[in-house]
Amino acid sequence: MQHGWNDIKEILFTNKIWDLKLDEIPSKAWKRFVHFVQIVRSTVDTFAENRMGFQCVALSYFVTLACIPFVALVFFVSNGLRISDEVTELLRAVIPDNADLLNIAVDKAQNIIAAAHSGPVGVVSALLFIWTIIWLMFQVERVFNNVWGVRKIPRNILARFGFYLGFLLLSPFIVIIFSYGIVLYSNATSLIGWNLGNFAMLSKFLGWLIFYGITAFTLSAMYKYIPSPKVKYKFALQAALFSAAAFVIFQYLYLETQVFVNRLNAVYGVIAAIPLFLIWLNFSWQIVMYGAELTYSLQLVNQANESEQQV
């Protein structure tokens, strides 16, 4: 029995697992287990081979660099629509635990807008800041394509730039709509007239459940449409369901566990929000990119098994 277990370990945890043909395995339970191990092995191995950990750190810094210009873009649009005060209140309602960081972001974003109104030099400076958002989009697409082994993106540069520009123009409206949506579902029970004072946990659970659904849908769209290769949506959705669950759990632990936050606040004061934001970004990107690797593994392993069955 011990020798048999050693043989099983040698097969599952070495490259011999790729020599197994699922259609030749009589047991359905064993077949599913082998299929599961193949997907996990492929996900973990490719994540390490592509050095995704380092790329997630890079994306975190790109997001940090583009964060203030993006907030400036949102407020530029909201100023034109004369709803900037409402947008500020929405952001404070959506991000109640990071008020200091939000105040810093809003203040610096207003400086960019003021510079844009100061003359031609200010306009050029503001456009350079906006370019950091487009550069972030390029980097996100590059990392997602690295998951699929694509080193040179085949898409036309003008088509890509046009897509990024269109998304850039629409993104402030998307943020405003989503912010309104988050505030509405957070207060849905009171708006409907339900009094859940004795069932506060139920209301909170429903809020997190809706957040999970939105996250799963958003991640599935990212896994499907950002990479250049053709990705089947069913695999993108399957991976998104797992990564969204991990993302929601991480958000809950990050928001509810304040021990580490209090220690940083005691040392850094107001600027503690910056390292906390970087830590949050890094872990968030790790979860997102593990989901992207899982999408790749699901499609790769399933296509390989289907090819074997056809032979």
Protein backbone atom coordinates (compact mmCIF):
# COMPACT_ATOMS: atom_id res chain seq x y z
CA MET A 1 0.00 0.00 0.00
CA GLN A 2 2.86 2.36 0.81
CA HIS A 3 4.53 1.58 -2.49
CA GLY A 4 1.29 2.29 -4.28
CA TRP A 5 0.98 5.68 -2.57
CA ASN A 6 4.56 6.51 -3.61
CA ASP A 7 3.64 5.69 -7.19
CA ILE A 8 0.60 7.96 -6.96
CA LYS A 9 2.68 10.82 -5.55
CA GLU A 10 5.28 10.34 -8.29
CA ILE A 11 2.59 10.62 -10.93
CA LEU A 12 0.65 13.54 -9.46
CA PHE A 13 3.54 15.76 -8.41
CA THR A 14 5.94 15.20 -11.31
CA ASN A 15 5.67 15.76 -15.04
CA LYS A 16 4.31 12.23 -15.43
CA ILE A 17 0.85 13.62 -14.76
CA TRP A 18 0.84 15.10 -18.26
CA ASP A 19 1.32 11.63 -19.73
CA LEU A 20 -1.96 10.40 -18.22
CA LYS A 21 -4.87 10.09 -20.63
CA LEU A 22 -8.16 10.79 -18.92
CA ASP A 23 -10.19 8.61 -21.31
CA GLU A 24 -8.10 5.60 -20.23
CA ILE A 25 -8.86 6.11 -16.51
CA PRO A 26 -11.81 3.85 -15.56
CA SER A 27 -12.77 5.58 -12.30
CA LYS A 28 -14.74 8.82 -12.71
CA ALA A 29 -13.64 10.10 -9.29
CA TRP A 30 -9.97 9.45 -10.08
CA LYS A 31 -10.41 11.03 -13.51
CA ARG A 32 -11.85 14.21 -11.99
CA PHE A 33 -9.11 14.31 -9.38
CA VAL A 34 -6.37 13.99 -12.02
CA HIS A 35 -8.06 16.69 -14.10
CA PHE A 36 -8.21 18.97 -11.04
CA VAL A 37 -4.52 18.37 -10.22
CA GLN A 38 -3.55 19.10 -13.84
CA ILE A 39 -5.34 22.45 -13.71
CA VAL A 40 -3.83 23.38 -10.33
CA ARG A 41 -0.34 22.34 -11.44
CA SER A 42 -0.64 24.30 -14.67
CA THR A 43 -1.91 27.41 -12.84
CA VAL A 44 0.80 27.42 -10.16
CA ASP A 45 3.62 26.47 -12.56
CA THR A 46 2.78 29.10 -15.18
CA PHE A 47 2.32 31.77 -12.49
CA ALA A 48 5.85 31.05 -11.28
CA GLU A 49 7.33 30.69 -14.79
CA ASN A 50 5.86 34.01 -15.92
CA ARG A 51 7.11 35.65 -12.68
CA MET A 52 3.65 37.08 -12.16
CA GLY A 53 4.50 38.11 -8.61
CA PHE A 54 6.95 40.71 -9.89
CA GLN A 55 4.54 41.82 -12.62
CA CYS A 56 1.81 42.32 -10.01
CA VAL A 57 4.16 44.57 -8.04
CA ALA A 58 4.82 46.57 -11.22
CA LEU A 59 1.09 46.89 -11.92
CA SER A 60 0.55 48.12 -8.36
CA TYR A 61 2.99 50.97 -8.94
CA PHE A 62 1.47 51.78 -12.34
CA VAL A 63 -1.98 51.98 -10.72
CA THR A 64 -0.60 54.21 -7.96
CA LEU A 65 0.94 56.50 -10.58
CA ALA A 66 -2.30 56.66 -12.59
CA CYS A 67 -4.64 56.92 -9.59
CA ILE A 68 -4.52 60.70 -9.09
CA PRO A 69 -4.84 61.51 -12.84
CA PHE A 70 -7.83 59.15 -13.04
CA VAL A 71 -9.54 60.87 -10.11
CA ALA A 72 -8.79 64.19 -11.84
CA LEU A 73 -10.45 62.89 -15.02
CA VAL A 74 -13.52 61.82 -13.04
CA PHE A 75 -13.79 65.23 -11.41
CA PHE A 76 -13.17 67.02 -14.72
CA VAL A 77 -16.20 65.24 -16.19
CA SER A 78 -18.28 65.71 -13.04
CA ASN A 79 -17.42 69.43 -12.99
CA GLY A 80 -18.75 69.70 -16.52
CA LEU A 81 -21.94 67.98 -15.41
CA ARG A 82 -22.01 70.12 -12.22
CA ILE A 83 -22.15 67.08 -9.95
CA SER A 84 -18.63 67.23 -8.47
CA ASP A 85 -19.95 67.64 -4.91
CA GLU A 86 -22.22 64.63 -5.35
CA VAL A 87 -19.31 62.57 -6.72
CA THR A 88 -17.16 63.52 -3.71
CA GLU A 89 -19.88 62.39 -1.33
CA LEU A 90 -20.34 59.18 -3.32
CA LEU A 91 -16.64 58.37 -3.10
CA ARG A 92 -16.67 59.02 0.64
CA ALA A 93 -19.65 56.70 1.01
CA VAL A 94 -17.99 53.99 -1.09
CA ILE A 95 -14.58 54.30 0.65
CA PRO A 96 -15.44 55.16 4.25
CA ASP A 97 -12.36 53.51 5.77
CA ASN A 98 -9.81 55.44 3.68
CA ALA A 99 -10.98 59.02 4.22
CA ASP A 100 -7.46 60.41 4.61
CA LEU A 101 -6.25 58.80 1.37
CA LEU A 102 -9.39 59.97 -0.45
CA ASN A 103 -8.92 63.55 0.73
CA ILE A 104 -5.32 63.52 -0.50
CA ALA A 105 -6.38 62.08 -3.88
CA VAL A 106 -9.18 64.63 -4.34
CA ASP A 107 -6.91 67.54 -3.35
CA LYS A 108 -4.14 66.54 -5.78
CA ALA A 109 -6.65 65.81 -8.54
CA GLN A 110 -8.07 69.31 -8.17
CA ASN A 111 -4.51 70.64 -8.56
CA ILE A 112 -4.22 68.86 -11.93
CA ILE A 113 -7.55 70.35 -13.06
CA ALA A 114 -6.48 73.82 -11.91
CA ALA A 115 -3.21 73.46 -13.82
CA ALA A 116 -5.13 72.49 -16.98
CA HIS A 117 -7.08 75.76 -16.75
CA SER A 118 -3.95 77.86 -16.22
CA GLY A 119 -2.81 77.93 -19.83
CA PRO A 120 -1.13 75.89 -22.61
CA VAL A 121 1.68 74.67 -20.36
CA GLY A 122 -0.86 73.46 -17.82
CA VAL A 123 -2.83 71.65 -20.54
CA VAL A 124 0.29 69.82 -21.70
CA SER A 125 1.09 68.90 -18.10
CA ALA A 126 -2.45 67.57 -17.56
CA LEU A 127 -2.25 65.54 -20.79
CA LEU A 128 1.00 63.97 -19.60
CA PHE A 129 -0.77 62.93 -16.42
CA ILE A 130 -3.64 61.49 -18.46
CA TRP A 131 -1.10 59.55 -20.52
CA THR A 132 -0.19 57.59 -17.38
CA ILE A 133 -3.72 56.10 -17.45
CA ILE A 134 -3.31 54.99 -21.07
CA TRP A 135 0.14 53.62 -20.24
CA LEU A 136 -1.43 51.64 -17.40
CA MET A 137 -3.89 50.10 -19.88
CA PHE A 138 -1.00 49.07 -22.13
CA GLN A 139 0.75 47.41 -19.19
CA VAL A 140 -2.37 45.55 -18.06
CA GLU A 141 -2.88 44.19 -21.56
CA ARG A 142 0.79 43.19 -21.75
CA VAL A 143 0.64 41.25 -18.48
CA PHE A 144 -2.59 39.49 -19.45
CA ASN A 145 -0.99 38.47 -22.75
CA ASN A 146 2.06 37.17 -20.89
CA VAL A 147 -0.30 34.71 -19.21
CA TRP A 148 -1.12 33.29 -22.64
CA GLY A 149 2.50 33.29 -23.81
CA VAL A 150 1.99 36.24 -26.17
CA ARG A 151 5.05 38.46 -26.08
CA LYS A 152 4.20 40.62 -29.10
CA ILE A 153 0.64 41.91 -29.15
CA PRO A 154 -0.80 41.35 -32.65
CA ARG A 155 -3.44 44.06 -32.37
CA ASN A 156 -3.06 47.18 -34.51
CA ILE A 157 -1.56 50.01 -32.46
CA LEU A 158 -4.10 52.55 -33.75
CA ALA A 159 -7.02 50.23 -32.96
CA ARG A 160 -5.65 49.64 -29.47
CA PHE A 161 -5.10 53.35 -28.87
CA GLY A 162 -8.63 54.12 -30.10
CA PHE A 163 -10.06 51.48 -27.74
CA TYR A 164 -8.09 52.88 -24.80
CA LEU A 165 -9.15 56.43 -25.62
CA GLY A 166 -12.80 55.38 -25.83
CA PHE A 167 -12.57 53.56 -22.52
CA LEU A 168 -10.81 56.58 -21.01
CA LEU A 169 -13.71 58.84 -22.02
CA LEU A 170 -16.35 56.43 -20.75
CA SER A 171 -14.62 55.41 -17.51
CA PRO A 172 -15.67 58.51 -15.47
CA PHE A 173 -19.33 57.77 -16.27
CA ILE A 174 -18.79 54.09 -15.35
CA VAL A 175 -17.29 55.12 -11.99
CA ILE A 176 -20.18 57.48 -11.28
CA ILE A 177 -22.80 54.86 -12.21
CA PHE A 178 -21.09 52.15 -10.14
CA SER A 179 -20.72 54.53 -7.19
CA TYR A 180 -24.43 55.29 -7.31
CA GLY A 181 -25.12 51.56 -7.57
CA ILE A 182 -22.97 50.72 -4.53
CA VAL A 183 -24.64 53.42 -2.42
CA LEU A 184 -28.09 52.25 -3.54
CA TYR A 185 -27.56 48.58 -2.75
CA SER A 186 -25.87 49.49 0.54
CA ASN A 187 -29.06 51.31 1.54
CA ALA A 188 -31.50 49.16 -0.41
CA THR A 189 -33.36 47.86 2.62
CA SER A 190 -33.98 51.33 4.03
CA LEU A 191 -35.04 52.66 0.62
CA ILE A 192 -37.53 49.80 0.21
CA GLY A 193 -38.80 50.39 3.70
CA TRP A 194 -37.61 47.20 5.31
CA ASN A 195 -36.48 47.45 8.90
CA LEU A 196 -33.70 44.92 9.40
CA GLY A 197 -32.44 46.34 12.66
CA ASN A 198 -32.51 42.90 14.23
CA PHE A 199 -31.01 41.31 11.10
CA ALA A 200 -28.07 43.60 10.43
CA MET A 201 -25.87 40.62 9.56
CA LEU A 202 -28.34 39.57 6.85
CA SER A 203 -28.24 43.02 5.28
CA LYS A 204 -24.44 43.01 5.37
CA PHE A 205 -24.32 39.52 3.89
CA LEU A 206 -26.58 40.57 1.01
CA GLY A 207 -24.28 43.53 0.34
CA TRP A 208 -21.22 41.29 0.16
CA LEU A 209 -23.13 38.82 -2.04
CA ILE A 210 -23.97 41.56 -4.53
CA PHE A 211 -20.36 42.71 -4.41
CA TYR A 212 -19.28 39.14 -5.22
CA GLY A 213 -21.61 39.03 -8.23
CA ILE A 214 -20.31 42.35 -9.58
CA THR A 215 -16.70 41.26 -9.04
CA ALA A 216 -17.23 37.89 -10.75
CA PHE A 217 -18.86 39.55 -13.78
CA THR A 218 -16.11 42.19 -14.03
CA LEU A 219 -13.27 39.64 -13.75
CA SER A 220 -14.88 37.30 -16.28
CA ALA A 221 -15.05 40.19 -18.78
CA MET A 222 -11.39 41.02 -18.10
CA TYR A 223 -10.27 37.40 -18.58
CA LYS A 224 -12.30 37.13 -21.78
CA TYR A 225 -11.60 40.41 -23.58
CA ILE A 226 -8.24 41.80 -22.42
CA PRO A 227 -5.94 39.04 -23.79
CA SER A 228 -5.29 38.96 -27.53
CA PRO A 229 -5.89 35.17 -27.97
CA LYS A 230 -9.44 33.88 -28.25
CA VAL A 231 -10.67 32.94 -24.78
CA LYS A 232 -13.82 30.89 -24.23
CA TYR A 233 -16.15 32.71 -21.88
CA LYS A 234 -17.11 29.58 -19.94
CA PHE A 235 -13.51 29.17 -18.78
CA ALA A 236 -13.21 32.89 -18.01
CA LEU A 237 -16.41 32.69 -15.94
CA GLN A 238 -15.29 29.56 -14.06
CA ALA A 239 -11.99 31.21 -13.14
CA ALA A 240 -13.75 34.46 -12.23
CA LEU A 241 -16.06 32.66 -9.79
CA PHE A 242 -13.03 31.36 -7.85
CA SER A 243 -10.95 34.55 -8.02
CA ALA A 244 -13.98 36.72 -7.11
CA ALA A 245 -14.54 34.60 -3.99
CA ALA A 246 -10.87 35.03 -3.00
CA PHE A 247 -11.08 38.76 -3.77
CA VAL A 248 -14.21 39.28 -1.62
CA ILE A 249 -12.71 37.30 1.27
CA PHE A 250 -9.54 39.40 1.06
CA GLN A 251 -11.56 42.63 1.03
CA TYR A 252 -13.53 41.48 4.07
CA LEU A 253 -10.38 40.59 6.02
CA TYR A 254 -8.69 43.82 4.95
CA LEU A 255 -11.63 45.98 6.03
CA GLU A 256 -12.62 44.10 9.16
CA THR A 257 -9.14 43.35 10.55
CA GLN A 258 -7.79 46.69 11.75
CA VAL A 259 -4.87 45.53 13.95
CA PHE A 260 -2.23 46.02 11.24
CA VAL A 261 -3.85 49.30 10.19
CA ASN A 262 -3.76 50.70 13.71
CA ARG A 263 -0.07 49.80 14.09
CA LEU A 264 0.84 51.53 10.83
CA ASN A 265 -1.20 54.59 11.79
CA ALA A 266 0.70 54.81 15.06
CA VAL A 267 4.02 54.86 13.18
CA TYR A 268 3.26 56.72 9.94
CA GLY A 269 0.25 58.83 10.86
CA VAL A 270 -1.71 60.13 7.87
CA ILE A 271 0.74 58.76 5.28
CA ALA A 272 0.04 55.21 6.55
CA ALA A 273 -2.71 55.16 3.91
CA ILE A 274 -0.07 55.01 1.14
CA PRO A 275 1.74 51.77 2.13
CA LEU A 276 -1.63 50.24 3.02
CA PHE A 277 -2.92 51.15 -0.43
CA LEU A 278 0.15 49.58 -2.08
CA ILE A 279 -0.25 46.39 -0.01
CA TRP A 280 -3.94 46.21 -0.94
CA LEU A 281 -3.15 46.75 -4.63
CA ASN A 282 -0.44 44.08 -4.68
CA PHE A 283 -2.60 41.39 -3.08
CA SER A 284 -5.56 42.35 -5.26
CA TRP A 285 -3.50 42.03 -8.44
CA GLN A 286 -2.13 38.69 -7.23
CA ILE A 287 -5.69 37.37 -6.93
CA VAL A 288 -6.71 38.79 -10.31
CA MET A 289 -3.68 37.32 -12.10
CA TYR A 290 -4.08 33.92 -10.45
CA GLY A 291 -7.57 33.98 -11.94
CA ALA A 292 -6.12 34.85 -15.34
CA GLU A 293 -3.67 31.94 -15.05
CA LEU A 294 -6.56 29.67 -14.02
CA THR A 295 -8.49 30.71 -17.15
CA TYR A 296 -5.46 29.80 -19.25
CA SER A 297 -5.05 26.44 -17.49
CA LEU A 298 -8.73 25.53 -17.78
CA GLN A 299 -8.73 26.19 -21.51
CA LEU A 300 -5.34 24.55 -22.10
CA VAL A 301 -6.04 21.36 -20.13
CA ASN A 302 -9.57 20.91 -21.48
CA GLN A 303 -8.47 21.45 -25.09
CA ALA A 304 -5.59 18.98 -24.61
CA ASN A 305 -7.95 16.35 -23.20
CA GLU A 306 -10.46 16.92 -26.01
CA SER A 307 -7.67 16.51 -28.58
CA GLU A 308 -6.63 13.21 -26.99
CA GLN A 309 -10.19 11.91 -27.13
CA GLN A 310 -10.45 12.73 -30.83
CA VAL A 311 -7.22 10.89 -31.68
